[in-house]
Amino acid sequence: MATTTDSAAQLVFAPNVLHNQALTSVKFLSSCFAGAVAGILGLENWLGFALFIATIISTSFIIYAINCRGKPARYLPGGLGELVNPGQDNIFTFILVWTLFYGIIHGKK
């Protein structure tokens, strides 16, 4: 007889879990491009972080609607929470690229 943990483990399709690395790559690239845009536009303080949050929400919505077909729990072990979570390394990547492009474009005038 299957226990509740066995039946819950069977709900996650193993090949889909293996492709979660692609989700991490999409979030990473989204953070890089958002940082570059924030730096090029010269956004400072909360406007830059607002752009980051808008980018994370829009990227998550696109993945939710197109790739997950409205059922993220079927493809991700954490469901919607894992889809929307930007991850600590992506926040640091955003800040790094943001300051890099800001310094290159708007550095010494």
C-alpha atoms as a PDB file:
ATOM      1  CA  MET A   1       0.000   0.000   0.000  1.00  0.00           C
ATOM      2  CA  ALA A   2       1.399   3.406  -0.975  1.00  0.00           C
ATOM      3  CA  THR A   3       1.966   6.003   1.684  1.00  0.00           C
ATOM      4  CA  THR A   4       1.197   9.666   1.210  1.00  0.00           C
ATOM      5  CA  THR A   5       4.857  10.514   0.582  1.00  0.00           C
ATOM      6  CA  ASP A   6       5.098   7.840  -2.120  1.00  0.00           C
ATOM      7  CA  SER A   7       1.984   9.087  -3.893  1.00  0.00           C
ATOM      8  CA  ALA A   8       3.162  12.714  -3.632  1.00  0.00           C
ATOM      9  CA  ALA A   9       6.531  11.745  -5.102  1.00  0.00           C
ATOM     10  CA  GLN A  10       4.803  10.084  -8.033  1.00  0.00           C
ATOM     11  CA  LEU A  11       2.990  13.310  -8.922  1.00  0.00           C
ATOM     12  CA  VAL A  12       6.279  14.917  -9.963  1.00  0.00           C
ATOM     13  CA  PHE A  13       7.343  13.743 -13.415  1.00  0.00           C
ATOM     14  CA  ALA A  14      11.092  13.040 -13.329  1.00  0.00           C
ATOM     15  CA  PRO A  15      12.001  14.350 -16.841  1.00  0.00           C
ATOM     16  CA  ASN A  16      10.323  17.669 -16.014  1.00  0.00           C
ATOM     17  CA  VAL A  17      12.340  17.984 -12.829  1.00  0.00           C
ATOM     18  CA  LEU A  18      15.526  17.440 -14.841  1.00  0.00           C
ATOM     19  CA  HIS A  19      14.623  20.409 -17.048  1.00  0.00           C
ATOM     20  CA  ASN A  20      14.407  22.762 -14.051  1.00  0.00           C
ATOM     21  CA  GLN A  21      17.976  23.783 -14.848  1.00  0.00           C
ATOM     22  CA  ALA A  22      16.552  25.510 -17.923  1.00  0.00           C
ATOM     23  CA  LEU A  23      14.243  27.470 -15.622  1.00  0.00           C
ATOM     24  CA  THR A  24      17.244  28.575 -13.578  1.00  0.00           C
ATOM     25  CA  SER A  25      19.022  29.676 -16.758  1.00  0.00           C
ATOM     26  CA  VAL A  26      16.021  31.705 -17.925  1.00  0.00           C
ATOM     27  CA  LYS A  27      15.788  33.458 -14.561  1.00  0.00           C
ATOM     28  CA  PHE A  28      19.542  34.156 -14.613  1.00  0.00           C
ATOM     29  CA  LEU A  29      19.459  35.635 -18.115  1.00  0.00           C
ATOM     30  CA  SER A  30      16.373  37.666 -17.248  1.00  0.00           C
ATOM     31  CA  SER A  31      18.215  39.139 -14.256  1.00  0.00           C
ATOM     32  CA  CYS A  32      21.250  39.952 -16.420  1.00  0.00           C
ATOM     33  CA  PHE A  33      19.203  41.749 -19.069  1.00  0.00           C
ATOM     34  CA  ALA A  34      17.178  43.620 -16.435  1.00  0.00           C
ATOM     35  CA  GLY A  35      20.398  44.780 -14.787  1.00  0.00           C
ATOM     36  CA  ALA A  36      21.772  45.945 -18.116  1.00  0.00           C
ATOM     37  CA  VAL A  37      18.576  47.863 -18.885  1.00  0.00           C
ATOM     38  CA  ALA A  38      18.541  49.470 -15.435  1.00  0.00           C
ATOM     39  CA  GLY A  39      22.159  50.545 -15.841  1.00  0.00           C
ATOM     40  CA  ILE A  40      21.758  51.877 -19.360  1.00  0.00           C
ATOM     41  CA  LEU A  41      18.624  53.821 -18.426  1.00  0.00           C
ATOM     42  CA  GLY A  42      20.436  55.268 -15.409  1.00  0.00           C
ATOM     43  CA  LEU A  43      17.881  54.048 -12.893  1.00  0.00           C
ATOM     44  CA  GLU A  44      18.829  54.658  -9.299  1.00  0.00           C
ATOM     45  CA  ASN A  45      17.611  53.453  -5.913  1.00  0.00           C
ATOM     46  CA  TRP A  46      14.120  51.949  -5.807  1.00  0.00           C
ATOM     47  CA  LEU A  47      13.411  52.408  -9.514  1.00  0.00           C
ATOM     48  CA  GLY A  48      16.072  49.843 -10.365  1.00  0.00           C
ATOM     49  CA  PHE A  49      14.682  47.333  -7.889  1.00  0.00           C
ATOM     50  CA  ALA A  50      11.165  48.027  -9.188  1.00  0.00           C
ATOM     51  CA  LEU A  51      12.422  47.082 -12.657  1.00  0.00           C
ATOM     52  CA  PHE A  52      13.890  43.879 -11.212  1.00  0.00           C
ATOM     53  CA  ILE A  53      10.595  42.958  -9.535  1.00  0.00           C
ATOM     54  CA  ALA A  54       8.647  43.758 -12.709  1.00  0.00           C
ATOM     55  CA  THR A  55      11.042  41.583 -14.699  1.00  0.00           C
ATOM     56  CA  ILE A  56      10.704  38.656 -12.288  1.00  0.00           C
ATOM     57  CA  ILE A  57       6.902  38.904 -12.308  1.00  0.00           C
ATOM     58  CA  SER A  58       6.666  39.167 -16.091  1.00  0.00           C
ATOM     59  CA  THR A  59       9.136  36.313 -16.657  1.00  0.00           C
ATOM     60  CA  SER A  60       7.274  34.142 -14.153  1.00  0.00           C
ATOM     61  CA  PHE A  61       3.944  34.929 -15.821  1.00  0.00           C
ATOM     62  CA  ILE A  62       5.278  34.029 -19.267  1.00  0.00           C
ATOM     63  CA  ILE A  63       6.685  30.730 -17.987  1.00  0.00           C
ATOM     64  CA  TYR A  64       3.425  30.094 -16.082  1.00  0.00           C
ATOM     65  CA  ALA A  65       1.234  30.748 -19.122  1.00  0.00           C
ATOM     66  CA  ILE A  66       3.313  29.219 -21.914  1.00  0.00           C
ATOM     67  CA  ASN A  67       5.596  26.537 -20.498  1.00  0.00           C
ATOM     68  CA  CYS A  68       3.568  25.363 -17.494  1.00  0.00           C
ATOM     69  CA  ARG A  69       0.186  25.844 -19.187  1.00  0.00           C
ATOM     70  CA  GLY A  70      -1.240  27.233 -15.943  1.00  0.00           C
ATOM     71  CA  LYS A  71      -0.223  24.232 -13.811  1.00  0.00           C
ATOM     72  CA  PRO A  72       3.216  24.933 -12.300  1.00  0.00           C
ATOM     73  CA  ALA A  73       2.777  22.278  -9.589  1.00  0.00           C
ATOM     74  CA  ARG A  74       2.819  19.665 -12.340  1.00  0.00           C
ATOM     75  CA  TYR A  75       6.237  20.754 -13.567  1.00  0.00           C
ATOM     76  CA  LEU A  76       7.930  22.212 -10.478  1.00  0.00           C
ATOM     77  CA  PRO A  77       8.225  20.574  -7.063  1.00  0.00           C
ATOM     78  CA  GLY A  78       7.622  23.922  -5.313  1.00  0.00           C
ATOM     79  CA  GLY A  79       4.783  24.942  -7.604  1.00  0.00           C
ATOM     80  CA  LEU A  80       4.022  28.618  -8.043  1.00  0.00           C
ATOM     81  CA  GLY A  81       6.284  29.621  -5.156  1.00  0.00           C
ATOM     82  CA  GLU A  82       9.365  28.237  -6.880  1.00  0.00           C
ATOM     83  CA  LEU A  83       8.348  29.840 -10.154  1.00  0.00           C
ATOM     84  CA  VAL A  84       8.100  33.337  -8.664  1.00  0.00           C
ATOM     85  CA  ASN A  85      11.115  33.043  -6.328  1.00  0.00           C
ATOM     86  CA  PRO A  86      13.955  35.052  -7.929  1.00  0.00           C
ATOM     87  CA  GLY A  87      16.728  33.348  -5.974  1.00  0.00           C
ATOM     88  CA  GLN A  88      19.525  35.021  -4.073  1.00  0.00           C
ATOM     89  CA  ASP A  89      22.124  34.596  -6.804  1.00  0.00           C
ATOM     90  CA  ASN A  90      19.854  36.264  -9.372  1.00  0.00           C
ATOM     91  CA  ILE A  91      19.439  39.329  -7.162  1.00  0.00           C
ATOM     92  CA  PHE A  92      23.211  39.617  -6.822  1.00  0.00           C
ATOM     93  CA  THR A  93      23.625  39.129 -10.570  1.00  0.00           C
ATOM     94  CA  PHE A  94      21.115  41.908 -11.227  1.00  0.00           C
ATOM     95  CA  ILE A  95      22.959  44.314  -8.912  1.00  0.00           C
ATOM     96  CA  LEU A  96      26.342  43.420 -10.403  1.00  0.00           C
ATOM     97  CA  VAL A  97      25.238  43.970 -14.010  1.00  0.00           C
ATOM     98  CA  TRP A  98      23.250  47.070 -13.027  1.00  0.00           C
ATOM     99  CA  THR A  99      26.265  48.754 -11.433  1.00  0.00           C
ATOM    100  CA  LEU A 100      28.564  47.626 -14.253  1.00  0.00           C
ATOM    101  CA  PHE A 101      26.425  49.158 -16.994  1.00  0.00           C
ATOM    102  CA  TYR A 102      25.647  52.233 -14.915  1.00  0.00           C
ATOM    103  CA  GLY A 103      29.364  52.817 -14.394  1.00  0.00           C
ATOM    104  CA  ILE A 104      30.194  52.291 -18.062  1.00  0.00           C
ATOM    105  CA  ILE A 105      27.439  54.545 -19.422  1.00  0.00           C
ATOM    106  CA  HIS A 106      27.018  57.172 -16.715  1.00  0.00           C
ATOM    107  CA  GLY A 107      30.410  57.026 -14.982  1.00  0.00           C
ATOM    108  CA  LYS A 108      32.560  60.132 -15.065  1.00  0.00           C
ATOM    109  CA  LYS A 109      30.948  62.959 -16.959  1.00  0.00           C
END
